[in-house]
Protein backbone atom coordinates (compact mmCIF):
# COMPACT_ATOMS: atom_id res chain seq x y z
CA MET A 1 -23.90 -4.22 -32.94
CA ALA A 2 -23.29 -4.95 -36.59
CA SER A 3 -20.51 -2.51 -36.79
CA ARG A 4 -18.74 -4.22 -33.77
CA ALA A 5 -19.32 -7.72 -34.83
CA GLY A 6 -16.85 -10.24 -33.27
CA LYS A 7 -15.98 -8.00 -30.38
CA PRO A 8 -16.51 -9.79 -26.98
CA PHE A 9 -17.51 -6.71 -25.12
CA LEU A 10 -18.42 -3.05 -25.77
CA LEU A 11 -17.38 -0.09 -23.62
CA PHE A 12 -19.55 2.93 -22.93
CA ALA A 13 -18.05 5.94 -21.05
CA GLU A 14 -20.65 7.69 -19.09
CA ASP A 15 -20.67 11.15 -17.47
CA ARG A 16 -21.13 11.43 -13.77
CA ARG A 17 -24.54 13.23 -14.37
CA PHE A 18 -25.97 9.95 -15.64
CA PRO A 19 -25.44 7.17 -13.04
CA ILE A 20 -25.40 3.71 -14.46
CA ARG A 21 -28.36 1.78 -12.95
CA MET A 22 -29.45 -0.67 -15.69
CA THR A 23 -27.73 -4.06 -15.27
CA GLU A 24 -29.71 -6.19 -17.79
CA ASP A 25 -30.40 -3.85 -20.76
CA LEU A 26 -28.58 -1.12 -22.56
CA PRO A 27 -29.79 2.48 -21.75
CA LEU A 28 -31.41 4.05 -24.89
CA ARG A 29 -28.87 6.89 -24.83
CA TRP A 30 -26.04 4.32 -25.30
CA ILE A 31 -27.91 2.52 -28.08
CA ARG A 32 -28.31 5.98 -29.89
CA ARG A 33 -24.78 7.07 -29.21
CA GLY A 34 -23.01 3.73 -29.63
CA PRO A 35 -19.84 2.42 -27.98
CA SER A 36 -16.83 4.78 -28.01
CA ASP A 37 -13.07 4.78 -27.44
CA VAL A 38 -13.26 8.51 -26.51
CA PHE A 39 -14.71 10.32 -23.48
CA LYS A 40 -14.83 14.17 -22.86
CA GLY A 41 -15.97 15.86 -19.79
CA ASP A 42 -15.63 19.33 -18.27
CA ALA A 43 -14.20 19.79 -14.71
CA ASP A 44 -13.69 22.94 -12.73
CA ARG A 45 -10.18 23.98 -11.55
CA ASP A 46 -8.95 21.85 -8.70
CA GLU A 47 -11.79 19.48 -9.03
CA PHE A 48 -11.64 15.65 -9.17
CA TYR A 49 -13.71 14.46 -12.16
CA ALA A 50 -15.50 11.14 -11.67
CA PHE A 51 -16.82 9.28 -14.68
CA GLN A 52 -18.10 5.74 -15.34
CA ILE A 53 -17.35 2.96 -17.83
CA GLY A 54 -20.19 0.59 -18.73
CA VAL A 55 -19.28 -2.77 -20.02
CA TYR A 56 -21.65 -4.81 -22.12
CA ALA A 57 -20.91 -8.41 -22.80
CA ALA A 58 -21.87 -8.54 -26.51
CA ALA A 59 -20.64 -12.00 -27.59
CA GLN A 60 -19.77 -13.85 -24.47
CA ALA A 61 -19.94 -13.91 -20.75
CA LEU A 62 -17.21 -11.89 -19.05
CA GLY A 63 -15.47 -12.90 -15.83
CA ASP A 64 -12.70 -11.33 -13.80
CA VAL A 65 -13.09 -7.88 -15.40
CA ARG A 66 -10.15 -5.48 -14.60
CA SER A 67 -9.02 -2.05 -15.63
CA SER A 68 -5.63 -0.53 -16.09
CA SER A 69 -4.31 2.87 -16.51
CA ALA A 70 -2.77 3.85 -19.74
CA THR A 71 -0.13 6.43 -18.71
């Protein structure tokens, strides 16, 4: 948290193998790994690759959260 002071929220990209289930606390693997702006996963040929993005409200409550594609 100290390295991300002042950020209203933190993003945690998560692989499909680890469903996001915790809604009140951060999973230990996120705490150890820390937030990231990069995600890498492996997909087979012709496969759709699903992943998740966890949002943690670090400094203030978040409302009306939306995502957009950066193409």
